[in-house]
Amino acid sequence: MTLKEIPCGKTVKVTKLSGEGPVKRRIMDMGITKGVDIFVRKVAPLGDPVEVTVRGYELSLRKSDAEMIIVE
């Protein structure tokens, strides 16, 4: 399951990051790494962007970036 599929109000744990090169590096630089908990705060009406809380700060992710984050 990817972060894009998670409804508002749920907390999930990152199991894997798909993607390659600079895109994967950018996601990791935002603090999203394997094992970290992510709380889905809001999803825009059309699904883009997704607002999440990671490591105590709020972050907005594009739908394309959220698809690269595999969660459980």
N, C-alpha and C. Protein backbone atom coordinates (compact mmCIF):
# COMPACT_ATOMS: atom_id res chain seq x y z
N MET A 1 0.84 -1.17 0.00
CA MET A 1 0.00 0.00 0.00
C MET A 1 0.90 1.24 0.00
N THR A 2 0.48 2.27 -0.72
CA THR A 2 1.28 3.49 -0.77
C THR A 2 0.65 4.59 0.08
N LEU A 3 1.42 5.61 0.37
CA LEU A 3 0.94 6.72 1.18
C LEU A 3 -0.24 7.42 0.50
N LYS A 4 -0.27 7.41 -0.80
CA LYS A 4 -1.35 8.05 -1.56
C LYS A 4 -2.71 7.43 -1.23
N GLU A 5 -2.75 6.15 -0.88
CA GLU A 5 -4.01 5.43 -0.64
C GLU A 5 -4.53 5.55 0.79
N ILE A 6 -3.78 6.18 1.68
CA ILE A 6 -4.15 6.25 3.10
C ILE A 6 -5.15 7.39 3.32
N PRO A 7 -6.26 7.13 4.02
CA PRO A 7 -7.25 8.18 4.30
C PRO A 7 -6.78 9.13 5.40
N CYS A 8 -7.43 10.26 5.53
CA CYS A 8 -7.11 11.25 6.57
C CYS A 8 -7.27 10.64 7.95
N GLY A 9 -6.43 11.08 8.87
CA GLY A 9 -6.54 10.67 10.26
C GLY A 9 -5.83 9.37 10.61
N LYS A 10 -5.18 8.75 9.67
CA LYS A 10 -4.48 7.48 9.92
C LYS A 10 -2.98 7.72 10.09
N THR A 11 -2.37 6.90 10.93
CA THR A 11 -0.91 6.91 11.11
C THR A 11 -0.37 5.61 10.54
N VAL A 12 0.67 5.71 9.72
CA VAL A 12 1.27 4.54 9.09
C VAL A 12 2.78 4.57 9.28
N LYS A 13 3.42 3.43 9.04
CA LYS A 13 4.88 3.31 9.15
C LYS A 13 5.46 3.05 7.77
N VAL A 14 6.52 3.75 7.43
CA VAL A 14 7.17 3.58 6.13
C VAL A 14 7.93 2.25 6.13
N THR A 15 7.69 1.44 5.09
CA THR A 15 8.42 0.17 4.98
C THR A 15 9.46 0.21 3.88
N LYS A 16 9.23 1.06 2.85
CA LYS A 16 10.16 1.10 1.72
C LYS A 16 9.93 2.38 0.92
N LEU A 17 10.99 2.86 0.29
CA LEU A 17 10.88 3.97 -0.65
C LEU A 17 11.21 3.45 -2.04
N SER A 18 10.25 3.58 -2.95
CA SER A 18 10.56 3.23 -4.33
C SER A 18 11.05 4.50 -5.02
N GLY A 19 11.35 4.43 -6.28
CA GLY A 19 11.90 5.59 -6.97
C GLY A 19 13.42 5.51 -6.99
N GLU A 20 14.01 6.39 -7.77
CA GLU A 20 15.46 6.35 -7.94
C GLU A 20 16.07 7.73 -7.94
N GLY A 21 17.36 7.76 -7.69
CA GLY A 21 18.17 8.96 -7.86
C GLY A 21 17.71 10.16 -7.06
N PRO A 22 17.66 11.33 -7.73
CA PRO A 22 17.39 12.59 -7.03
C PRO A 22 16.01 12.64 -6.37
N VAL A 23 15.02 11.99 -6.95
CA VAL A 23 13.68 12.01 -6.37
C VAL A 23 13.67 11.28 -5.03
N LYS A 24 14.26 10.10 -4.99
CA LYS A 24 14.34 9.33 -3.74
C LYS A 24 15.15 10.10 -2.70
N ARG A 25 16.24 10.70 -3.12
CA ARG A 25 17.09 11.48 -2.22
C ARG A 25 16.31 12.65 -1.62
N ARG A 26 15.49 13.33 -2.43
CA ARG A 26 14.71 14.47 -1.96
C ARG A 26 13.70 14.03 -0.91
N ILE A 27 13.05 12.89 -1.13
CA ILE A 27 12.09 12.36 -0.15
C ILE A 27 12.80 12.03 1.16
N MET A 28 13.97 11.43 1.07
CA MET A 28 14.74 11.10 2.28
C MET A 28 15.21 12.37 2.99
N ASP A 29 15.57 13.40 2.24
CA ASP A 29 16.01 14.66 2.84
C ASP A 29 14.88 15.34 3.60
N MET A 30 13.63 15.06 3.24
CA MET A 30 12.47 15.62 3.94
C MET A 30 12.21 14.88 5.26
N GLY A 31 12.97 13.83 5.54
CA GLY A 31 12.82 13.10 6.79
C GLY A 31 12.01 11.83 6.66
N ILE A 32 11.63 11.47 5.45
CA ILE A 32 10.84 10.26 5.24
C ILE A 32 11.80 9.12 4.92
N THR A 33 12.04 8.28 5.93
CA THR A 33 12.95 7.16 5.79
C THR A 33 12.26 5.90 6.30
N LYS A 34 12.85 4.76 6.04
CA LYS A 34 12.28 3.48 6.47
C LYS A 34 12.11 3.45 7.99
N GLY A 35 10.92 3.04 8.43
CA GLY A 35 10.65 2.90 9.86
C GLY A 35 10.01 4.11 10.52
N VAL A 36 9.94 5.25 9.84
CA VAL A 36 9.37 6.46 10.45
C VAL A 36 7.84 6.43 10.35
N ASP A 37 7.18 6.99 11.37
CA ASP A 37 5.71 7.07 11.36
C ASP A 37 5.28 8.34 10.64
N ILE A 38 4.20 8.22 9.86
CA ILE A 38 3.63 9.36 9.14
C ILE A 38 2.15 9.44 9.48
N PHE A 39 1.70 10.62 9.90
CA PHE A 39 0.29 10.86 10.18
C PHE A 39 -0.29 11.67 9.03
N VAL A 40 -1.34 11.15 8.39
CA VAL A 40 -1.98 11.84 7.26
C VAL A 40 -2.98 12.85 7.83
N ARG A 41 -2.67 14.14 7.70
CA ARG A 41 -3.51 15.21 8.26
C ARG A 41 -4.66 15.57 7.34
N LYS A 42 -4.35 15.87 6.09
CA LYS A 42 -5.38 16.32 5.15
C LYS A 42 -5.04 15.81 3.75
N VAL A 43 -6.10 15.65 2.95
CA VAL A 43 -5.92 15.36 1.54
C VAL A 43 -6.76 16.39 0.79
N ALA A 44 -6.17 17.07 -0.18
CA ALA A 44 -6.89 18.07 -0.96
C ALA A 44 -8.06 17.42 -1.69
N PRO A 45 -9.07 18.20 -2.04
CA PRO A 45 -10.26 17.63 -2.68
C PRO A 45 -9.97 16.77 -3.91
N LEU A 46 -9.00 17.13 -4.68
CA LEU A 46 -8.65 16.32 -5.86
C LEU A 46 -7.51 15.35 -5.58
N GLY A 47 -7.11 15.25 -4.32
CA GLY A 47 -6.08 14.29 -3.93
C GLY A 47 -4.65 14.78 -4.05
N ASP A 48 -4.46 16.03 -4.43
CA ASP A 48 -3.11 16.54 -4.61
C ASP A 48 -3.04 17.97 -4.10
N PRO A 49 -2.27 18.33 -3.11
CA PRO A 49 -1.29 17.52 -2.38
C PRO A 49 -1.90 16.82 -1.15
N VAL A 50 -1.06 16.03 -0.52
CA VAL A 50 -1.40 15.34 0.72
C VAL A 50 -0.59 16.01 1.84
N GLU A 51 -1.25 16.41 2.91
CA GLU A 51 -0.54 17.04 4.02
C GLU A 51 -0.33 16.01 5.12
N VAL A 52 0.92 15.84 5.53
CA VAL A 52 1.28 14.82 6.52
C VAL A 52 2.12 15.45 7.64
N THR A 53 2.19 14.73 8.75
CA THR A 53 3.09 15.11 9.84
C THR A 53 4.16 14.03 9.95
N VAL A 54 5.42 14.44 9.83
CA VAL A 54 6.57 13.53 9.89
C VAL A 54 7.58 14.11 10.86
N ARG A 55 8.00 13.30 11.83
CA ARG A 55 9.03 13.72 12.80
C ARG A 55 8.71 15.06 13.46
N GLY A 56 7.40 15.30 13.70
CA GLY A 56 6.99 16.51 14.41
C GLY A 56 6.80 17.75 13.57
N TYR A 57 6.93 17.67 12.26
CA TYR A 57 6.67 18.84 11.43
C TYR A 57 5.70 18.49 10.30
N GLU A 58 5.03 19.52 9.79
CA GLU A 58 4.04 19.33 8.74
C GLU A 58 4.71 19.43 7.38
N LEU A 59 4.22 18.60 6.47
CA LEU A 59 4.82 18.51 5.15
C LEU A 59 3.73 18.26 4.12
N SER A 60 3.82 18.90 2.97
CA SER A 60 2.89 18.65 1.87
C SER A 60 3.62 17.88 0.78
N LEU A 61 3.00 16.80 0.33
CA LEU A 61 3.60 15.95 -0.70
C LEU A 61 2.71 15.89 -1.93
N ARG A 62 3.33 15.92 -3.09
CA ARG A 62 2.59 15.70 -4.33
C ARG A 62 2.11 14.26 -4.38
N LYS A 63 1.06 14.04 -5.12
CA LYS A 63 0.51 12.69 -5.28
C LYS A 63 1.57 11.76 -5.88
N SER A 64 2.34 12.26 -6.82
CA SER A 64 3.37 11.43 -7.46
C SER A 64 4.47 11.02 -6.47
N ASP A 65 4.79 11.91 -5.51
CA ASP A 65 5.77 11.56 -4.48
C ASP A 65 5.18 10.58 -3.47
N ALA A 66 3.91 10.77 -3.11
CA ALA A 66 3.25 9.88 -2.15
C ALA A 66 3.15 8.46 -2.67
N GLU A 67 3.07 8.31 -4.00
CA GLU A 67 3.01 6.97 -4.60
C GLU A 67 4.31 6.19 -4.42
N MET A 68 5.41 6.89 -4.21
CA MET A 68 6.71 6.24 -4.06
C MET A 68 6.99 5.78 -2.65
N ILE A 69 6.10 6.10 -1.71
CA ILE A 69 6.31 5.76 -0.31
C ILE A 69 5.43 4.58 0.04
N ILE A 70 6.05 3.43 0.27
CA ILE A 70 5.33 2.19 0.60
C ILE A 70 5.18 2.15 2.12
N VAL A 71 3.93 1.95 2.59
CA VAL A 71 3.64 1.99 4.03
C VAL A 71 2.87 0.73 4.47
N GLU A 72 2.79 0.56 5.78
CA GLU A 72 1.99 -0.53 6.34
C GLU A 72 1.06 0.00 7.41
